[in-house]
């Protein structure tokens, strides 16, 4: 599984990449505490690169502050 951290576009690039990584790592810790095996979990941050890119309002910002969990076939 790939755990992808995302942010809204309101910070600078470095800040958002670090925040996205912290968000992804928090989700990973939650999954591990819930009993999931660590062997195939990777975390990555996209910062604000995958933001909605549309409107700049609270709803769009809330959507952008997320973690996506992707099943990766190997």
PDB file of N, CA and C in Angstrom:
ATOM      1  N   UNK A   1       0.835  -1.174   0.000  1.00  0.00           N
ATOM      2  CA  UNK A   1       0.000   0.000   0.000  1.00  0.00           C
ATOM      3  C   UNK A   1       0.885   1.245   0.000  1.00  0.00           C
ATOM      4  N   UNK A   2       0.441   2.227  -0.725  1.00  0.00           N
ATOM      5  CA  UNK A   2       1.115   3.520  -0.707  1.00  0.00           C
ATOM      6  C   UNK A   2       0.182   4.504  -0.019  1.00  0.00           C
ATOM      7  N   UNK A   3       0.700   5.185   0.989  1.00  0.00           N
ATOM      8  CA  UNK A   3      -0.079   6.152   1.757  1.00  0.00           C
ATOM      9  C   UNK A   3       0.403   7.532   1.343  1.00  0.00           C
ATOM     10  N   UNK A   4      -0.475   8.287   0.693  1.00  0.00           N
ATOM     11  CA  UNK A   4      -0.112   9.568   0.091  1.00  0.00           C
ATOM     12  C   UNK A   4      -0.689  10.724   0.896  1.00  0.00           C
ATOM     13  N   UNK A   5       0.191  11.599   1.384  1.00  0.00           N
ATOM     14  CA  UNK A   5      -0.242  12.779   2.121  1.00  0.00           C
ATOM     15  C   UNK A   5      -0.411  13.955   1.186  1.00  0.00           C
ATOM     16  N   UNK A   6      -1.485  14.709   1.396  1.00  0.00           N
ATOM     17  CA  UNK A   6      -1.797  15.872   0.565  1.00  0.00           C
ATOM     18  C   UNK A   6      -2.133  17.069   1.449  1.00  0.00           C
ATOM     19  N   UNK A   7      -1.999  18.268   0.892  1.00  0.00           N
ATOM     20  CA  UNK A   7      -2.258  19.510   1.624  1.00  0.00           C
ATOM     21  C   UNK A   7      -3.028  20.479   0.750  1.00  0.00           C
ATOM     22  N   UNK A   8      -3.600  21.482   1.402  1.00  0.00           N
ATOM     23  CA  UNK A   8      -4.181  22.572   0.618  1.00  0.00           C
ATOM     24  C   UNK A   8      -3.045  23.512   0.200  1.00  0.00           C
ATOM     25  N   UNK A   9      -3.287  24.423  -0.738  1.00  0.00           N
ATOM     26  CA  UNK A   9      -2.194  25.220  -1.323  1.00  0.00           C
ATOM     27  C   UNK A   9      -1.781  26.454  -0.521  1.00  0.00           C
ATOM     28  N   UNK A  10      -2.174  26.557   0.734  1.00  0.00           N
ATOM     29  CA  UNK A  10      -1.927  27.803   1.454  1.00  0.00           C
ATOM     30  C   UNK A  10      -0.538  27.948   2.065  1.00  0.00           C
ATOM     31  N   UNK A  11       0.302  26.944   2.036  1.00  0.00           N
ATOM     32  CA  UNK A  11       1.661  27.075   2.571  1.00  0.00           C
ATOM     33  C   UNK A  11       2.673  27.074   1.439  1.00  0.00           C
ATOM     34  N   UNK A  12       3.948  27.281   1.792  1.00  0.00           N
ATOM     35  CA  UNK A  12       4.961  27.196   0.737  1.00  0.00           C
ATOM     36  C   UNK A  12       5.242  25.725   0.434  1.00  0.00           C
ATOM     37  N   UNK A  13       5.935  25.465  -0.647  1.00  0.00           N
ATOM     38  CA  UNK A  13       6.146  24.094  -1.128  1.00  0.00           C
ATOM     39  C   UNK A  13       6.833  23.201  -0.099  1.00  0.00           C
ATOM     40  N   UNK A  14       7.914  23.677   0.506  1.00  0.00           N
ATOM     41  CA  UNK A  14       8.637  22.858   1.479  1.00  0.00           C
ATOM     42  C   UNK A  14       7.766  22.531   2.692  1.00  0.00           C
ATOM     43  N   UNK A  15       7.049  23.517   3.185  1.00  0.00           N
ATOM     44  CA  UNK A  15       6.165  23.298   4.333  1.00  0.00           C
ATOM     45  C   UNK A  15       5.095  22.266   3.988  1.00  0.00           C
ATOM     46  N   UNK A  16       4.474  22.411   2.825  1.00  0.00           N
ATOM     47  CA  UNK A  16       3.400  21.497   2.435  1.00  0.00           C
ATOM     48  C   UNK A  16       3.907  20.074   2.207  1.00  0.00           C
ATOM     49  N   UNK A  17       5.094  19.925   1.655  1.00  0.00           N
ATOM     50  CA  UNK A  17       5.657  18.577   1.484  1.00  0.00           C
ATOM     51  C   UNK A  17       5.908  17.920   2.840  1.00  0.00           C
ATOM     52  N   UNK A  18       6.444  18.683   3.787  1.00  0.00           N
ATOM     53  CA  UNK A  18       6.697  18.140   5.126  1.00  0.00           C
ATOM     54  C   UNK A  18       5.376  17.816   5.830  1.00  0.00           C
ATOM     55  N   UNK A  19       4.389  18.693   5.695  1.00  0.00           N
ATOM     56  CA  UNK A  19       3.089  18.455   6.312  1.00  0.00           C
ATOM     57  C   UNK A  19       2.411  17.229   5.704  1.00  0.00           C
ATOM     58  N   UNK A  20       2.476  17.096   4.404  1.00  0.00           N
ATOM     59  CA  UNK A  20       1.893  15.929   3.746  1.00  0.00           C
ATOM     60  C   UNK A  20       2.537  14.635   4.205  1.00  0.00           C
ATOM     61  N   UNK A  21       3.860  14.672   4.412  1.00  0.00           N
ATOM     62  CA  UNK A  21       4.562  13.484   4.888  1.00  0.00           C
ATOM     63  C   UNK A  21       4.147  13.147   6.320  1.00  0.00           C
ATOM     64  N   UNK A  22       4.042  14.173   7.177  1.00  0.00           N
ATOM     65  CA  UNK A  22       3.578  13.925   8.547  1.00  0.00           C
ATOM     66  C   UNK A  22       2.166  13.342   8.547  1.00  0.00           C
ATOM     67  N   UNK A  23       1.337  13.836   7.664  1.00  0.00           N
ATOM     68  CA  UNK A  23      -0.040  13.330   7.555  1.00  0.00           C
ATOM     69  C   UNK A  23      -0.038  11.858   7.128  1.00  0.00           C
ATOM     70  N   UNK A  24       0.780  11.512   6.135  1.00  0.00           N
ATOM     71  CA  UNK A  24       0.861  10.129   5.664  1.00  0.00           C
ATOM     72  C   UNK A  24       1.433   9.219   6.746  1.00  0.00           C
ATOM     73  N   UNK A  25       2.446   9.691   7.463  1.00  0.00           N
ATOM     74  CA  UNK A  25       3.035   8.879   8.528  1.00  0.00           C
ATOM     75  C   UNK A  25       2.053   8.662   9.675  1.00  0.00           C
ATOM     76  N   UNK A  26       1.225   9.640   9.979  1.00  0.00           N
ATOM     77  CA  UNK A  26       0.206   9.474  11.021  1.00  0.00           C
ATOM     78  C   UNK A  26      -0.802   8.407  10.604  1.00  0.00           C
ATOM     79  N   UNK A  27      -1.184   8.411   9.341  1.00  0.00           N
ATOM     80  CA  UNK A  27      -2.117   7.388   8.845  1.00  0.00           C
ATOM     81  C   UNK A  27      -1.462   6.011   8.912  1.00  0.00           C
ATOM     82  N   UNK A  28      -0.173   5.931   8.596  1.00  0.00           N
ATOM     83  CA  UNK A  28       0.548   4.659   8.677  1.00  0.00           C
ATOM     84  C   UNK A  28       0.581   4.154  10.115  1.00  0.00           C
ATOM     85  N   UNK A  29       0.877   5.046  11.061  1.00  0.00           N
ATOM     86  CA  UNK A  29       0.886   4.639  12.469  1.00  0.00           C
ATOM     87  C   UNK A  29      -0.483   4.110  12.893  1.00  0.00           C
ATOM     88  N   UNK A  30      -1.545   4.756  12.435  1.00  0.00           N
ATOM     89  CA  UNK A  30      -2.893   4.298  12.748  1.00  0.00           C
ATOM     90  C   UNK A  30      -3.138   2.896  12.191  1.00  0.00           C
ATOM     91  N   UNK A  31      -2.758   2.669  10.949  1.00  0.00           N
ATOM     92  CA  UNK A  31      -2.957   1.357  10.336  1.00  0.00           C
ATOM     93  C   UNK A  31      -2.151   0.278  11.055  1.00  0.00           C
ATOM     94  N   UNK A  32      -0.926   0.595  11.438  1.00  0.00           N
ATOM     95  CA  UNK A  32      -0.100  -0.367  12.165  1.00  0.00           C
ATOM     96  C   UNK A  32      -0.698  -0.669  13.538  1.00  0.00           C
ATOM     97  N   UNK A  33      -1.188   0.358  14.227  1.00  0.00           N
ATOM     98  CA  UNK A  33      -1.806   0.160  15.544  1.00  0.00           C
ATOM     99  C   UNK A  33      -3.094  -0.651  15.429  1.00  0.00           C
ATOM    100  N   UNK A  34      -3.703  -0.632  14.249  1.00  0.00           N
ATOM    101  CA  UNK A  34      -4.931  -1.400  14.016  1.00  0.00           C
ATOM    102  C   UNK A  34      -4.644  -2.836  13.619  1.00  0.00           C
ATOM    103  N   UNK A  35      -3.353  -3.201  13.510  1.00  0.00           N
ATOM    104  CA  UNK A  35      -2.978  -4.581  13.244  1.00  0.00           C
ATOM    105  C   UNK A  35      -2.498  -4.877  11.840  1.00  0.00           C
ATOM    106  N   UNK A  36      -2.390  -3.874  10.975  1.00  0.00           N
ATOM    107  CA  UNK A  36      -1.901  -4.108   9.620  1.00  0.00           C
ATOM    108  C   UNK A  36      -0.393  -4.339   9.640  1.00  0.00           C
ATOM    109  N   UNK A  37       0.097  -5.209   8.780  1.00  0.00           N
ATOM    110  CA  UNK A  37       1.523  -5.513   8.709  1.00  0.00           C
ATOM    111  C   UNK A  37       2.289  -4.350   8.088  1.00  0.00           C
ATOM    112  N   UNK A  38       3.487  -4.107   8.591  1.00  0.00           N
ATOM    113  CA  UNK A  38       4.327  -3.010   8.124  1.00  0.00           C
ATOM    114  C   UNK A  38       5.096  -3.334   6.843  1.00  0.00           C
ATOM    115  N   UNK A  39       5.128  -4.592   6.436  1.00  0.00           N
ATOM    116  CA  UNK A  39       6.055  -5.005   5.385  1.00  0.00           C
ATOM    117  C   UNK A  39       5.805  -4.343   4.034  1.00  0.00           C
ATOM    118  N   UNK A  40       4.604  -3.941   3.734  1.00  0.00           N
ATOM    119  CA  UNK A  40       4.331  -3.381   2.410  1.00  0.00           C
ATOM    120  C   UNK A  40       3.672  -2.001   2.471  1.00  0.00           C
ATOM    121  N   UNK A  41       4.039  -1.200   3.459  1.00  0.00           N
ATOM    122  CA  UNK A  41       3.492   0.145   3.571  1.00  0.00           C
ATOM    123  C   UNK A  41       4.575   1.163   3.253  1.00  0.00           C
ATOM    124  N   UNK A  42       4.279   2.062   2.332  1.00  0.00           N
ATOM    125  CA  UNK A  42       5.213   3.152   2.053  1.00  0.00           C
ATOM    126  C   UNK A  42       4.460   4.467   2.162  1.00  0.00           C
ATOM    127  N   UNK A  43       5.150   5.500   2.601  1.00  0.00           N
ATOM    128  CA  UNK A  43       4.533   6.816   2.707  1.00  0.00           C
ATOM    129  C   UNK A  43       5.203   7.758   1.718  1.00  0.00           C
ATOM    130  N   UNK A  44       4.409   8.677   1.205  1.00  0.00           N
ATOM    131  CA  UNK A  44       4.905   9.673   0.262  1.00  0.00           C
ATOM    132  C   UNK A  44       4.068  10.934   0.456  1.00  0.00           C
ATOM    133  N   UNK A  45       4.658  12.072   0.153  1.00  0.00           N
ATOM    134  CA  UNK A  45       3.937  13.335   0.235  1.00  0.00           C
ATOM    135  C   UNK A  45       3.892  13.994  -1.137  1.00  0.00           C
ATOM    136  N   UNK A  46       2.729  14.488  -1.475  1.00  0.00           N
ATOM    137  CA  UNK A  46       2.583  15.278  -2.695  1.00  0.00           C
ATOM    138  C   UNK A  46       2.353  16.750  -2.367  1.00  0.00           C
ATOM    139  N   UNK A  47       2.366  17.095  -1.085  1.00  0.00           N
ATOM    140  CA  UNK A  47       2.136  18.483  -0.701  1.00  0.00           C
ATOM    141  C   UNK A  47       0.836  18.979  -1.301  1.00  0.00           C
ATOM    142  N   UNK A  48       0.900  20.124  -1.960  1.00  0.00           N
ATOM    143  CA  UNK A  48      -0.292  20.695  -2.598  1.00  0.00           C
ATOM    144  C   UNK A  48      -0.348  20.392  -4.092  1.00  0.00           C
ATOM    145  N   UNK A  49       0.563  19.523  -4.579  1.00  0.00           N
ATOM    146  CA  UNK A  49       0.615  19.232  -6.010  1.00  0.00           C
ATOM    147  C   UNK A  49      -0.670  18.608  -6.539  1.00  0.00           C
ATOM    148  N   UNK A  50      -1.393  17.903  -5.689  1.00  0.00           N
ATOM    149  CA  UNK A  50      -2.644  17.265  -6.116  1.00  0.00           C
ATOM    150  C   UNK A  50      -3.858  17.928  -5.484  1.00  0.00           C
ATOM    151  N   UNK A  51      -3.766  19.218  -5.274  1.00  0.00           N
ATOM    152  CA  UNK A  51      -4.912  19.939  -4.708  1.00  0.00           C
ATOM    153  C   UNK A  51      -6.002  20.045  -5.763  1.00  0.00           C
ATOM    154  N   UNK A  52      -7.181  20.423  -5.321  1.00  0.00           N
ATOM    155  CA  UNK A  52      -8.319  20.500  -6.233  1.00  0.00           C
ATOM    156  C   UNK A  52      -8.062  21.496  -7.361  1.00  0.00           C
ATOM    157  N   UNK A  53      -7.215  22.492  -7.094  1.00  0.00           N
ATOM    158  CA  UNK A  53      -6.827  23.435  -8.134  1.00  0.00           C
ATOM    159  C   UNK A  53      -7.953  24.348  -8.580  1.00  0.00           C
ATOM    160  N   UNK A  54      -9.076  24.208  -7.969  1.00  0.00           N
ATOM    161  CA  UNK A  54     -10.233  25.020  -8.356  1.00  0.00           C
ATOM    162  C   UNK A  54     -10.407  26.209  -7.437  1.00  0.00           C
ATOM    163  N   UNK A  55     -11.515  26.200  -6.777  1.00  0.00           N
ATOM    164  CA  UNK A  55     -11.859  27.331  -5.924  1.00  0.00           C
ATOM    165  C   UNK A  55     -10.991  27.383  -4.677  1.00  0.00           C
ATOM    166  N   UNK A  56     -10.800  28.577  -4.188  1.00  0.00           N
ATOM    167  CA  UNK A  56     -10.046  28.798  -2.959  1.00  0.00           C
ATOM    168  C   UNK A  56     -11.046  29.120  -1.860  1.00  0.00           C
ATOM    169  N   UNK A  57     -11.664  28.082  -1.316  1.00  0.00           N
ATOM    170  CA  UNK A  57     -12.645  28.270  -0.254  1.00  0.00           C
ATOM    171  C   UNK A  57     -12.470  27.169   0.788  1.00  0.00           C
ATOM    172  N   UNK A  58     -13.121  27.299   1.947  1.00  0.00           N
ATOM    173  CA  UNK A  58     -12.935  26.314   3.018  1.00  0.00           C
ATOM    174  C   UNK A  58     -13.272  24.882   2.614  1.00  0.00           C
ATOM    175  N   UNK A  59     -14.262  24.686   1.774  1.00  0.00           N
ATOM    176  CA  UNK A  59     -14.623  23.335   1.349  1.00  0.00           C
ATOM    177  C   UNK A  59     -13.521  22.708   0.496  1.00  0.00           C
ATOM    178  N   UNK A  60     -12.970  23.477  -0.415  1.00  0.00           N
ATOM    179  CA  UNK A  60     -11.883  22.973  -1.263  1.00  0.00           C
ATOM    180  C   UNK A  60     -10.639  22.700  -0.423  1.00  0.00           C
ATOM    181  N   UNK A  61     -10.340  23.594   0.525  1.00  0.00           N
ATOM    182  CA  UNK A  61      -9.183  23.384   1.394  1.00  0.00           C
ATOM    183  C   UNK A  61      -9.358  22.116   2.223  1.00  0.00           C
ATOM    184  N   UNK A  62     -10.562  21.885   2.733  1.00  0.00           N
ATOM    185  CA  UNK A  62     -10.824  20.684   3.533  1.00  0.00           C
ATOM    186  C   UNK A  62     -10.620  19.425   2.692  1.00  0.00           C
ATOM    187  N   UNK A  63     -11.042  19.446   1.446  1.00  0.00           N
ATOM    188  CA  UNK A  63     -10.859  18.289   0.558  1.00  0.00           C
ATOM    189  C   UNK A  63      -9.378  18.018   0.310  1.00  0.00           C
ATOM    190  N   UNK A  64      -8.607  19.082   0.160  1.00  0.00           N
ATOM    191  CA  UNK A  64      -7.185  18.933  -0.151  1.00  0.00           C
ATOM    192  C   UNK A  64      -6.381  18.387   1.030  1.00  0.00           C
ATOM    193  N   UNK A  65      -6.843  18.600   2.244  1.00  0.00           N
ATOM    194  CA  UNK A  65      -6.139  18.110   3.441  1.00  0.00           C
ATOM    195  C   UNK A  65      -6.556  16.661   3.674  1.00  0.00           C
ATOM    196  N   UNK A  66      -5.879  15.737   3.008  1.00  0.00           N
ATOM    197  CA  UNK A  66      -6.311  14.337   3.042  1.00  0.00           C
ATOM    198  C   UNK A  66      -5.136  13.388   2.882  1.00  0.00           C
ATOM    199  N   UNK A  67      -5.440  12.126   3.148  1.00  0.00           N
ATOM    200  CA  UNK A  67      -4.525  11.029   2.873  1.00  0.00           C
ATOM    201  C   UNK A  67      -5.233  10.088   1.918  1.00  0.00           C
ATOM    202  N   UNK A  68      -4.563   9.718   0.839  1.00  0.00           N
ATOM    203  CA  UNK A  68      -5.083   8.720  -0.085  1.00  0.00           C
ATOM    204  C   UNK A  68      -4.321   7.428   0.153  1.00  0.00           C
ATOM    205  N   UNK A  69      -5.042   6.323   0.209  1.00  0.00           N
ATOM    206  CA  UNK A  69      -4.419   5.021   0.384  1.00  0.00           C
ATOM    207  C   UNK A  69      -4.603   4.255  -0.913  1.00  0.00           C
ATOM    208  N   UNK A  70      -3.498   3.887  -1.538  1.00  0.00           N
ATOM    209  CA  UNK A  70      -3.488   3.269  -2.843  1.00  0.00           C
ATOM    210  C   UNK A  70      -2.980   1.841  -2.712  1.00  0.00           C
ATOM    211  N   UNK A  71      -3.735   0.903  -3.240  1.00  0.00           N
ATOM    212  CA  UNK A  71      -3.263  -0.483  -3.298  1.00  0.00           C
ATOM    213  C   UNK A  71      -2.378  -0.624  -4.520  1.00  0.00           C
ATOM    214  N   UNK A  72      -1.146  -1.074  -4.326  1.00  0.00           N
ATOM    215  CA  UNK A  72      -0.171  -1.167  -5.388  1.00  0.00           C
ATOM    216  C   UNK A  72       0.082  -2.648  -5.680  1.00  0.00           C
ATOM    217  N   UNK A  73      -0.109  -3.029  -6.905  1.00  0.00           N
ATOM    218  CA  UNK A  73       0.156  -4.417  -7.309  1.00  0.00           C
ATOM    219  C   UNK A  73       1.643  -4.554  -7.627  1.00  0.00           C
ATOM    220  N   UNK A  74       2.267  -5.575  -7.068  1.00  0.00           N
ATOM    221  CA  UNK A  74       3.698  -5.791  -7.298  1.00  0.00           C
ATOM    222  C   UNK A  74       3.908  -7.080  -8.024  1.00  0.00           C
TER     223      UNK A  74
END
